[in-house]
Amino acid sequence: MLTIRLSRVGKKKQPSYRLIVSEKTKDPWGDYLENLGLFNPRTNPATVEFKVDRIKYWLAKGAQTSDTVWNLFVDQKIVEGKKKLKVKLSVKRKEKIAKKKQAA
């Protein structure tokens, strides 16, 4: 399965990211099929340089995205939809939160 995700590059404490397409099981710092752009969160506002036509091509081929990449695509209006939550709650935690809401 192909995945579109961020691969960290840059010096220590100065991250910038490549947007890459690779096999899901492969190391994100190793080989990749294609570089789709750059993301630098340290600038104000964050620098985003994506190859939109290639992103749409890989999505049409069935490539999946990580949650962070999906949220970036929604911000850039490359795809339509809602942002994905990054926090995953366990069933026990959800039940505990629901009980607190009922008690309050």
PDB file of N, CA and C in Angstrom:
ATOM      1  N   MET A   1       0.841  -1.172   0.000  1.00  0.00           N
ATOM      2  CA  MET A   1       0.000   0.000   0.000  1.00  0.00           C
ATOM      3  C   MET A   1       0.896   1.248   0.000  1.00  0.00           C
ATOM      4  N   LEU A   2       0.542   2.206  -0.837  1.00  0.00           N
ATOM      5  CA  LEU A   2       1.289   3.453  -0.912  1.00  0.00           C
ATOM      6  C   LEU A   2       0.752   4.458   0.089  1.00  0.00           C
ATOM      7  N   THR A   3       1.640   5.275   0.614  1.00  0.00           N
ATOM      8  CA  THR A   3       1.232   6.298   1.560  1.00  0.00           C
ATOM      9  C   THR A   3       1.945   7.616   1.246  1.00  0.00           C
ATOM     10  N   ILE A   4       1.230   8.705   1.462  1.00  0.00           N
ATOM     11  CA  ILE A   4       1.804  10.038   1.326  1.00  0.00           C
ATOM     12  C   ILE A   4       2.030  10.547   2.739  1.00  0.00           C
ATOM     13  N   ARG A   5       3.279  10.869   3.064  1.00  0.00           N
ATOM     14  CA  ARG A   5       3.593  11.290   4.427  1.00  0.00           C
ATOM     15  C   ARG A   5       4.757  12.267   4.428  1.00  0.00           C
ATOM     16  N   LEU A   6       5.015  12.817   5.607  1.00  0.00           N
ATOM     17  CA  LEU A   6       6.107  13.760   5.777  1.00  0.00           C
ATOM     18  C   LEU A   6       7.372  13.023   6.196  1.00  0.00           C
ATOM     19  N   SER A   7       8.502  13.474   5.672  1.00  0.00           N
ATOM     20  CA  SER A   7       9.802  12.938   6.042  1.00  0.00           C
ATOM     21  C   SER A   7      10.644  14.103   6.541  1.00  0.00           C
ATOM     22  N   ARG A   8      11.123  14.019   7.772  1.00  0.00           N
ATOM     23  CA  ARG A   8      11.836  15.139   8.395  1.00  0.00           C
ATOM     24  C   ARG A   8      13.236  15.271   7.814  1.00  0.00           C
ATOM     25  N   VAL A   9      13.590  16.491   7.471  1.00  0.00           N
ATOM     26  CA  VAL A   9      14.943  16.822   7.047  1.00  0.00           C
ATOM     27  C   VAL A   9      15.338  18.091   7.789  1.00  0.00           C
ATOM     28  N   GLY A  10      16.586  18.466   7.724  1.00  0.00           N
ATOM     29  CA  GLY A  10      17.021  19.685   8.396  1.00  0.00           C
ATOM     30  C   GLY A  10      17.898  19.374   9.585  1.00  0.00           C
ATOM     31  N   LYS A  11      18.496  20.444  10.109  1.00  0.00           N
ATOM     32  CA  LYS A  11      19.416  20.282  11.234  1.00  0.00           C
ATOM     33  C   LYS A  11      18.656  20.069  12.538  1.00  0.00           C
ATOM     34  N   LYS A  12      19.428  19.785  13.573  1.00  0.00           N
ATOM     35  CA  LYS A  12      18.874  19.585  14.905  1.00  0.00           C
ATOM     36  C   LYS A  12      18.119  20.842  15.336  1.00  0.00           C
ATOM     37  N   LYS A  13      16.912  20.667  15.818  1.00  0.00           N
ATOM     38  CA  LYS A  13      16.026  21.730  16.288  1.00  0.00           C
ATOM     39  C   LYS A  13      15.642  22.731  15.197  1.00  0.00           C
ATOM     40  N   GLN A  14      15.822  22.352  13.924  1.00  0.00           N
ATOM     41  CA  GLN A  14      15.406  23.189  12.803  1.00  0.00           C
ATOM     42  C   GLN A  14      14.713  22.313  11.765  1.00  0.00           C
ATOM     43  N   PRO A  15      13.546  21.774  12.097  1.00  0.00           N
ATOM     44  CA  PRO A  15      12.928  20.821  11.191  1.00  0.00           C
ATOM     45  C   PRO A  15      12.316  21.485   9.965  1.00  0.00           C
ATOM     46  N   SER A  16      12.411  20.798   8.861  1.00  0.00           N
ATOM     47  CA  SER A  16      11.602  21.061   7.690  1.00  0.00           C
ATOM     48  C   SER A  16      11.261  19.676   7.144  1.00  0.00           C
ATOM     49  N   TYR A  17      10.260  19.593   6.322  1.00  0.00           N
ATOM     50  CA  TYR A  17       9.741  18.286   5.927  1.00  0.00           C
ATOM     51  C   TYR A  17       9.596  18.187   4.425  1.00  0.00           C
ATOM     52  N   ARG A  18       9.843  16.991   3.900  1.00  0.00           N
ATOM     53  CA  ARG A  18       9.533  16.650   2.517  1.00  0.00           C
ATOM     54  C   ARG A  18       8.205  15.905   2.517  1.00  0.00           C
ATOM     55  N   LEU A  19       7.409  16.147   1.513  1.00  0.00           N
ATOM     56  CA  LEU A  19       6.190  15.373   1.314  1.00  0.00           C
ATOM     57  C   LEU A  19       6.536  14.281   0.314  1.00  0.00           C
ATOM     58  N   ILE A  20       6.469  13.023   0.748  1.00  0.00           N
ATOM     59  CA  ILE A  20       6.932  11.919  -0.099  1.00  0.00           C
ATOM     60  C   ILE A  20       5.841  10.873  -0.292  1.00  0.00           C
ATOM     61  N   VAL A  21       5.996  10.097  -1.356  1.00  0.00           N
ATOM     62  CA  VAL A  21       5.168   8.918  -1.604  1.00  0.00           C
ATOM     63  C   VAL A  21       6.076   7.712  -1.454  1.00  0.00           C
ATOM     64  N   SER A  22       5.670   6.752  -0.619  1.00  0.00           N
ATOM     65  CA  SER A  22       6.469   5.541  -0.442  1.00  0.00           C
ATOM     66  C   SER A  22       5.564   4.395  -0.013  1.00  0.00           C
ATOM     67  N   GLU A  23       6.143   3.212   0.043  1.00  0.00           N
ATOM     68  CA  GLU A  23       5.430   2.063   0.591  1.00  0.00           C
ATOM     69  C   GLU A  23       5.198   2.313   2.066  1.00  0.00           C
ATOM     70  N   LYS A  24       4.058   1.886   2.573  1.00  0.00           N
ATOM     71  CA  LYS A  24       3.718   2.130   3.969  1.00  0.00           C
ATOM     72  C   LYS A  24       4.699   1.462   4.922  1.00  0.00           C
ATOM     73  N   THR A  25       5.225   0.313   4.556  1.00  0.00           N
ATOM     74  CA  THR A  25       6.111  -0.438   5.444  1.00  0.00           C
ATOM     75  C   THR A  25       7.551   0.061   5.402  1.00  0.00           C
ATOM     76  N   LYS A  26       7.897   0.912   4.437  1.00  0.00           N
ATOM     77  CA  LYS A  26       9.272   1.390   4.310  1.00  0.00           C
ATOM     78  C   LYS A  26       9.571   2.512   5.290  1.00  0.00           C
ATOM     79  N   ASP A  27      10.834   2.656   5.598  1.00  0.00           N
ATOM     80  CA  ASP A  27      11.331   3.712   6.467  1.00  0.00           C
ATOM     81  C   ASP A  27      11.125   5.073   5.783  1.00  0.00           C
ATOM     82  N   PRO A  28      10.524   6.060   6.461  1.00  0.00           N
ATOM     83  CA  PRO A  28      10.287   7.354   5.807  1.00  0.00           C
ATOM     84  C   PRO A  28      11.558   8.130   5.479  1.00  0.00           C
ATOM     85  N   TRP A  29      12.711   7.746   6.039  1.00  0.00           N
ATOM     86  CA  TRP A  29      13.965   8.431   5.739  1.00  0.00           C
ATOM     87  C   TRP A  29      14.780   7.707   4.694  1.00  0.00           C
ATOM     88  N   GLY A  30      14.263   6.601   4.198  1.00  0.00           N
ATOM     89  CA  GLY A  30      14.967   5.840   3.175  1.00  0.00           C
ATOM     90  C   GLY A  30      14.505   6.220   1.782  1.00  0.00           C
ATOM     91  N   ASP A  31      14.439   5.225   0.917  1.00  0.00           N
ATOM     92  CA  ASP A  31      14.011   5.452  -0.460  1.00  0.00           C
ATOM     93  C   ASP A  31      12.538   5.804  -0.515  1.00  0.00           C
ATOM     94  N   TYR A  32      12.178   6.613  -1.489  1.00  0.00           N
ATOM     95  CA  TYR A  32      10.785   6.948  -1.727  1.00  0.00           C
ATOM     96  C   TYR A  32      10.545   7.003  -3.220  1.00  0.00           C
ATOM     97  N   LEU A  33       9.276   6.907  -3.622  1.00  0.00           N
ATOM     98  CA  LEU A  33       8.953   6.900  -5.040  1.00  0.00           C
ATOM     99  C   LEU A  33       9.031   8.293  -5.655  1.00  0.00           C
ATOM    100  N   GLU A  34       8.493   9.294  -4.934  1.00  0.00           N
ATOM    101  CA  GLU A  34       8.485  10.642  -5.493  1.00  0.00           C
ATOM    102  C   GLU A  34       8.421  11.682  -4.378  1.00  0.00           C
ATOM    103  N   ASN A  35       9.090  12.802  -4.606  1.00  0.00           N
ATOM    104  CA  ASN A  35       9.050  13.942  -3.703  1.00  0.00           C
ATOM    105  C   ASN A  35       7.954  14.877  -4.217  1.00  0.00           C
ATOM    106  N   LEU A  36       6.927  15.131  -3.390  1.00  0.00           N
ATOM    107  CA  LEU A  36       5.779  15.922  -3.821  1.00  0.00           C
ATOM    108  C   LEU A  36       5.817  17.364  -3.341  1.00  0.00           C
ATOM    109  N   GLY A  37       6.831  17.742  -2.571  1.00  0.00           N
ATOM    110  CA  GLY A  37       6.895  19.127  -2.146  1.00  0.00           C
ATOM    111  C   GLY A  37       7.602  19.299  -0.814  1.00  0.00           C
ATOM    112  N   LEU A  38       7.490  20.527  -0.286  1.00  0.00           N
ATOM    113  CA  LEU A  38       8.151  20.893   0.959  1.00  0.00           C
ATOM    114  C   LEU A  38       7.163  21.505   1.929  1.00  0.00           C
ATOM    115  N   PHE A  39       7.454  21.345   3.225  1.00  0.00           N
ATOM    116  CA  PHE A  39       6.675  21.972   4.277  1.00  0.00           C
ATOM    117  C   PHE A  39       7.648  22.450   5.341  1.00  0.00           C
ATOM    118  N   ASN A  40       7.643  23.769   5.632  1.00  0.00           N
ATOM    119  CA  ASN A  40       8.514  24.331   6.650  1.00  0.00           C
ATOM    120  C   ASN A  40       7.652  25.038   7.690  1.00  0.00           C
ATOM    121  N   PRO A  41       7.431  24.423   8.860  1.00  0.00           N
ATOM    122  CA  PRO A  41       6.571  25.026   9.874  1.00  0.00           C
ATOM    123  C   PRO A  41       7.248  26.147  10.653  1.00  0.00           C
ATOM    124  N   ARG A  42       8.560  26.351  10.471  1.00  0.00           N
ATOM    125  CA  ARG A  42       9.286  27.346  11.269  1.00  0.00           C
ATOM    126  C   ARG A  42       9.123  28.768  10.753  1.00  0.00           C
ATOM    127  N   THR A  43       8.713  28.940   9.512  1.00  0.00           N
ATOM    128  CA  THR A  43       8.514  30.292   8.992  1.00  0.00           C
ATOM    129  C   THR A  43       7.152  30.806   9.435  1.00  0.00           C
ATOM    130  N   ASN A  44       6.970  32.121   9.354  1.00  0.00           N
ATOM    131  CA  ASN A  44       5.682  32.701   9.758  1.00  0.00           C
ATOM    132  C   ASN A  44       5.105  33.477   8.591  1.00  0.00           C
ATOM    133  N   PRO A  45       4.056  33.026   7.929  1.00  0.00           N
ATOM    134  CA  PRO A  45       3.331  31.765   8.092  1.00  0.00           C
ATOM    135  C   PRO A  45       4.136  30.587   7.535  1.00  0.00           C
ATOM    136  N   ALA A  46       3.705  29.390   7.855  1.00  0.00           N
ATOM    137  CA  ALA A  46       4.417  28.178   7.444  1.00  0.00           C
ATOM    138  C   ALA A  46       4.515  28.112   5.919  1.00  0.00           C
ATOM    139  N   THR A  47       5.695  27.739   5.421  1.00  0.00           N
ATOM    140  CA  THR A  47       5.920  27.618   3.984  1.00  0.00           C
ATOM    141  C   THR A  47       5.407  26.272   3.507  1.00  0.00           C
ATOM    142  N   VAL A  48       4.526  26.306   2.504  1.00  0.00           N
ATOM    143  CA  VAL A  48       3.963  25.085   1.936  1.00  0.00           C
ATOM    144  C   VAL A  48       4.133  25.153   0.428  1.00  0.00           C
ATOM    145  N   GLU A  49       4.911  24.237  -0.133  1.00  0.00           N
ATOM    146  CA  GLU A  49       5.118  24.166  -1.576  1.00  0.00           C
ATOM    147  C   GLU A  49       4.827  22.738  -2.028  1.00  0.00           C
ATOM    148  N   PHE A  50       3.610  22.503  -2.500  1.00  0.00           N
ATOM    149  CA  PHE A  50       3.198  21.171  -2.940  1.00  0.00           C
ATOM    150  C   PHE A  50       2.975  21.146  -4.439  1.00  0.00           C
ATOM    151  N   LYS A  51       3.261  19.991  -5.060  1.00  0.00           N
ATOM    152  CA  LYS A  51       2.959  19.768  -6.475  1.00  0.00           C
ATOM    153  C   LYS A  51       1.537  19.200  -6.535  1.00  0.00           C
ATOM    154  N   VAL A  52       0.568  20.074  -6.708  1.00  0.00           N
ATOM    155  CA  VAL A  52      -0.845  19.705  -6.588  1.00  0.00           C
ATOM    156  C   VAL A  52      -1.246  18.655  -7.624  1.00  0.00           C
ATOM    157  N   ASP A  53      -0.792  18.804  -8.869  1.00  0.00           N
ATOM    158  CA  ASP A  53      -1.170  17.844  -9.902  1.00  0.00           C
ATOM    159  C   ASP A  53      -0.658  16.442  -9.585  1.00  0.00           C
ATOM    160  N   ARG A  54       0.557  16.333  -9.049  1.00  0.00           N
ATOM    161  CA  ARG A  54       1.111  15.021  -8.704  1.00  0.00           C
ATOM    162  C   ARG A  54       0.428  14.428  -7.474  1.00  0.00           C
ATOM    163  N   ILE A  55       0.050  15.296  -6.534  1.00  0.00           N
ATOM    164  CA  ILE A  55      -0.675  14.816  -5.353  1.00  0.00           C
ATOM    165  C   ILE A  55      -1.998  14.201  -5.777  1.00  0.00           C
ATOM    166  N   LYS A  56      -2.730  14.894  -6.652  1.00  0.00           N
ATOM    167  CA  LYS A  56      -4.014  14.371  -7.135  1.00  0.00           C
ATOM    168  C   LYS A  56      -3.826  13.079  -7.916  1.00  0.00           C
ATOM    169  N   TYR A  57      -2.726  12.975  -8.665  1.00  0.00           N
ATOM    170  CA  TYR A  57      -2.418  11.754  -9.403  1.00  0.00           C
ATOM    171  C   TYR A  57      -2.260  10.571  -8.448  1.00  0.00           C
ATOM    172  N   TRP A  58      -1.444  10.746  -7.389  1.00  0.00           N
ATOM    173  CA  TRP A  58      -1.195   9.644  -6.458  1.00  0.00           C
ATOM    174  C   TRP A  58      -2.447   9.296  -5.655  1.00  0.00           C
ATOM    175  N   LEU A  59      -3.251  10.288  -5.301  1.00  0.00           N
ATOM    176  CA  LEU A  59      -4.503   9.999  -4.595  1.00  0.00           C
ATOM    177  C   LEU A  59      -5.443   9.203  -5.494  1.00  0.00           C
ATOM    178  N   ALA A  60      -5.452   9.519  -6.795  1.00  0.00           N
ATOM    179  CA  ALA A  60      -6.288   8.774  -7.747  1.00  0.00           C
ATOM    180  C   ALA A  60      -5.802   7.336  -7.895  1.00  0.00           C
ATOM    181  N   LYS A  61      -4.499   7.104  -7.723  1.00  0.00           N
ATOM    182  CA  LYS A  61      -3.936   5.754  -7.802  1.00  0.00           C
ATOM    183  C   LYS A  61      -4.205   4.937  -6.539  1.00  0.00           C
ATOM    184  N   GLY A  62      -4.751   5.576  -5.479  1.00  0.00           N
ATOM    185  CA  GLY A  62      -5.098   4.836  -4.280  1.00  0.00           C
ATOM    186  C   GLY A  62      -4.168   5.043  -3.113  1.00  0.00           C
ATOM    187  N   ALA A  63      -3.270   6.010  -3.206  1.00  0.00           N
ATOM    188  CA  ALA A  63      -2.351   6.273  -2.098  1.00  0.00           C
ATOM    189  C   ALA A  63      -3.126   6.858  -0.916  1.00  0.00           C
ATOM    190  N   GLN A  64      -2.791   6.409   0.288  1.00  0.00           N
ATOM    191  CA  GLN A  64      -3.402   6.916   1.515  1.00  0.00           C
ATOM    192  C   GLN A  64      -2.535   8.032   2.082  1.00  0.00           C
ATOM    193  N   THR A  65      -3.116   8.862   2.936  1.00  0.00           N
ATOM    194  CA  THR A  65      -2.342   9.938   3.558  1.00  0.00           C
ATOM    195  C   THR A  65      -2.288   9.733   5.063  1.00  0.00           C
ATOM    196  N   SER A  66      -1.247  10.300   5.678  1.00  0.00           N
ATOM    197  CA  SER A  66      -1.209  10.316   7.140  1.00  0.00           C
ATOM    198  C   SER A  66      -2.193  11.393   7.595  1.00  0.00           C
ATOM    199  N   ASP A  67      -2.559  11.384   8.876  1.00  0.00           N
ATOM    200  CA  ASP A  67      -3.529  12.356   9.389  1.00  0.00           C
ATOM    201  C   ASP A  67      -3.016  13.788   9.234  1.00  0.00           C
ATOM    202  N   THR A  68      -1.757  14.011   9.523  1.00  0.00           N
ATOM    203  CA  THR A  68      -1.176  15.350   9.428  1.00  0.00           C
ATOM    204  C   THR A  68      -1.186  15.836   7.984  1.00  0.00           C
ATOM    205  N   VAL A  69      -0.812  14.971   7.058  1.00  0.00           N
ATOM    206  CA  VAL A  69      -0.800  15.346   5.645  1.00  0.00           C
ATOM    207  C   VAL A  69      -2.213  15.630   5.159  1.00  0.00           C
ATOM    208  N   TRP A  70      -3.182  14.819   5.576  1.00  0.00           N
ATOM    209  CA  TRP A  70      -4.577  15.054   5.198  1.00  0.00           C
ATOM    210  C   TRP A  70      -5.022  16.442   5.668  1.00  0.00           C
ATOM    211  N   ASN A  71      -4.684  16.797   6.915  1.00  0.00           N
ATOM    212  CA  ASN A  71      -5.062  18.107   7.451  1.00  0.00           C
ATOM    213  C   ASN A  71      -4.388  19.239   6.673  1.00  0.00           C
ATOM    214  N   LEU A  72      -3.142  19.044   6.240  1.00  0.00           N
ATOM    215  CA  LEU A  72      -2.476  20.045   5.404  1.00  0.00           C
ATOM    216  C   LEU A  72      -3.178  20.193   4.059  1.00  0.00           C
ATOM    217  N   PHE A  73      -3.592  19.069   3.467  1.00  0.00           N
ATOM    218  CA  PHE A  73      -4.304  19.107   2.184  1.00  0.00           C
ATOM    219  C   PHE A  73      -5.635  19.828   2.316  1.00  0.00           C
ATOM    220  N   VAL A  74      -6.345  19.605   3.419  1.00  0.00           N
ATOM    221  CA  VAL A  74      -7.620  20.295   3.653  1.00  0.00           C
ATOM    222  C   VAL A  74      -7.372  21.797   3.801  1.00  0.00           C
ATOM    223  N   ASP A  75      -6.335  22.187   4.523  1.00  0.00           N
ATOM    224  CA  ASP A  75      -5.986  23.605   4.676  1.00  0.00           C
ATOM    225  C   ASP A  75      -5.661  24.261   3.342  1.00  0.00           C
ATOM    226  N   GLN A  76      -4.948  23.533   2.482  1.00  0.00           N
ATOM    227  CA  GLN A  76      -4.543  24.062   1.182  1.00  0.00           C
ATOM    228  C   GLN A  76      -5.640  23.919   0.124  1.00  0.00           C
ATOM    229  N   LYS A  77      -6.770  23.309   0.499  1.00  0.00           N
ATOM    230  CA  LYS A  77      -7.911  23.077  -0.395  1.00  0.00           C
ATOM    231  C   LYS A  77      -7.543  22.181  -1.591  1.00  0.00           C
ATOM    232  N   ILE A  78      -6.643  21.237  -1.343  1.00  0.00           N
ATOM    233  CA  ILE A  78      -6.282  20.245  -2.358  1.00  0.00           C
ATOM    234  C   ILE A  78      -7.340  19.146  -2.379  1.00  0.00           C
ATOM    235  N   VAL A  79      -7.845  18.784  -1.192  1.00  0.00           N
ATOM    236  CA  VAL A  79      -8.935  17.810  -1.070  1.00  0.00           C
ATOM    237  C   VAL A  79     -10.058  18.447  -0.263  1.00  0.00           C
ATOM    238  N   GLU A  80     -11.246  17.896  -0.422  1.00  0.00           N
ATOM    239  CA  GLU A  80     -12.382  18.386   0.343  1.00  0.00           C
ATOM    240  C   GLU A  80     -12.710  17.367   1.420  1.00  0.00           C
ATOM    241  N   GLY A  81     -13.137  17.850   2.560  1.00  0.00           N
ATOM    242  CA  GLY A  81     -13.504  16.973   3.653  1.00  0.00           C
ATOM    243  C   GLY A  81     -13.179  17.625   4.981  1.00  0.00           C
ATOM    244  N   LYS A  82     -13.402  16.861   6.026  1.00  0.00           N
ATOM    245  CA  LYS A  82     -13.117  17.359   7.364  1.00  0.00           C
ATOM    246  C   LYS A  82     -11.708  16.972   7.761  1.00  0.00           C
ATOM    247  N   LYS A  83     -11.149  17.739   8.684  1.00  0.00           N
ATOM    248  CA  LYS A  83      -9.847  17.394   9.230  1.00  0.00           C
ATOM    249  C   LYS A  83      -9.979  16.146  10.090  1.00  0.00           C
ATOM    250  N   LYS A  84      -8.900  15.378  10.143  1.00  0.00           N
ATOM    251  CA  LYS A  84      -8.890  14.160  10.950  1.00  0.00           C
ATOM    252  C   LYS A  84      -8.312  14.468  12.315  1.00  0.00           C
ATOM    253  N   LEU A  85      -8.892  13.842  13.332  1.00  0.00           N
ATOM    254  CA  LEU A  85      -8.391  13.992  14.684  1.00  0.00           C
ATOM    255  C   LEU A  85      -7.112  13.182  14.832  1.00  0.00           C
ATOM    256  N   LYS A  86      -6.100  13.746  15.441  1.00  0.00           N
ATOM    257  CA  LYS A  86      -4.847  13.036  15.628  1.00  0.00           C
ATOM    258  C   LYS A  86      -4.856  12.195  16.890  1.00  0.00           C
ATOM    259  N   VAL A  87      -5.740  12.527  17.841  1.00  0.00           N
ATOM    260  CA  VAL A  87      -5.772  11.827  19.108  1.00  0.00           C
ATOM    261  C   VAL A  87      -6.751  10.663  19.009  1.00  0.00           C
ATOM    262  N   LYS A  88      -6.294   9.487  19.355  1.00  0.00           N
ATOM    263  CA  LYS A  88      -7.144   8.306  19.348  1.00  0.00           C
ATOM    264  C   LYS A  88      -7.460   7.932  20.790  1.00  0.00           C
ATOM    265  N   LEU A  89      -8.745   7.868  21.123  1.00  0.00           N
ATOM    266  CA  LEU A  89      -9.141   7.512  22.474  1.00  0.00           C
ATOM    267  C   LEU A  89      -9.520   6.040  22.535  1.00  0.00           C
ATOM    268  N   SER A  90      -9.149   5.385  23.618  1.00  0.00           N
ATOM    269  CA  SER A  90      -9.522   3.997  23.805  1.00  0.00           C
ATOM    270  C   SER A  90     -10.992   3.931  24.208  1.00  0.00           C
ATOM    271  N   VAL A  91     -11.573   2.767  24.126  1.00  0.00           N
ATOM    272  CA  VAL A  91     -12.976   2.574  24.484  1.00  0.00           C
ATOM    273  C   VAL A  91     -13.199   2.915  25.954  1.00  0.00           C
ATOM    274  N   LYS A  92     -12.277   2.483  26.823  1.00  0.00           N
ATOM    275  CA  LYS A  92     -12.394   2.769  28.255  1.00  0.00           C
ATOM    276  C   LYS A  92     -12.409   4.268  28.504  1.00  0.00           C
ATOM    277  N   ARG A  93     -11.520   4.981  27.840  1.00  0.00           N
ATOM    278  CA  ARG A  93     -11.425   6.433  28.031  1.00  0.00           C
ATOM    279  C   ARG A  93     -12.700   7.129  27.540  1.00  0.00           C
ATOM    280  N   LYS A  94     -13.228   6.691  26.403  1.00  0.00           N
ATOM    281  CA  LYS A  94     -14.471   7.269  25.878  1.00  0.00           C
ATOM    282  C   LYS A  94     -15.625   7.073  26.861  1.00  0.00           C
ATOM    283  N   GLU A  95     -15.711   5.860  27.446  1.00  0.00           N
ATOM    284  CA  GLU A  95     -16.766   5.578  28.418  1.00  0.00           C
ATOM    285  C   GLU A  95     -16.621   6.456  29.652  1.00  0.00           C
ATOM    286  N   LYS A  96     -15.399   6.638  30.111  1.00  0.00           N
ATOM    287  CA  LYS A  96     -15.149   7.458  31.286  1.00  0.00           C
ATOM    288  C   LYS A  96     -15.556   8.915  31.031  1.00  0.00           C
ATOM    289  N   ILE A  97     -15.254   9.429  29.849  1.00  0.00           N
ATOM    290  CA  ILE A  97     -15.634  10.793  29.489  1.00  0.00           C
ATOM    291  C   ILE A  97     -17.146  10.923  29.398  1.00  0.00           C
ATOM    292  N   ALA A  98     -17.805   9.910  28.830  1.00  0.00           N
ATOM    293  CA  ALA A  98     -19.269   9.944  28.706  1.00  0.00           C
ATOM    294  C   ALA A  98     -19.932   9.926  30.088  1.00  0.00           C
ATOM    295  N   LYS A  99     -19.375   9.156  31.025  1.00  0.00           N
ATOM    296  CA  LYS A  99     -19.936   9.122  32.388  1.00  0.00           C
ATOM    297  C   LYS A  99     -19.788  10.481  33.069  1.00  0.00           C
ATOM    298  N   LYS A 100     -18.648  11.141  32.868  1.00  0.00           N
ATOM    299  CA  LYS A 100     -18.447  12.464  33.467  1.00  0.00           C
ATOM    300  C   LYS A 100     -19.442  13.468  32.911  1.00  0.00           C
ATOM    301  N   LYS A 101     -19.724  13.393  31.616  1.00  0.00           N
ATOM    302  CA  LYS A 101     -20.674  14.321  30.996  1.00  0.00           C
ATOM    303  C   LYS A 101     -22.085  14.100  31.546  1.00  0.00           C
ATOM    304  N   GLN A 102     -22.447  12.834  31.748  1.00  0.00           N
ATOM    305  CA  GLN A 102     -23.780  12.515  32.278  1.00  0.00           C
ATOM    306  C   GLN A 102     -23.925  12.984  33.722  1.00  0.00           C
ATOM    307  N   ALA A 103     -22.839  12.850  34.500  1.00  0.00           N
ATOM    308  CA  ALA A 103     -22.886  13.241  35.904  1.00  0.00           C
ATOM    309  C   ALA A 103     -22.945  14.769  36.062  1.00  0.00           C
ATOM    310  N   ALA A 104     -22.375  15.487  35.145  1.00  0.00           N
ATOM    311  CA  ALA A 104     -22.332  16.959  35.239  1.00  0.00           C
ATOM    312  C   ALA A 104     -23.597  17.638  34.776  1.00  0.00           C
TER     313      ALA A 104
END
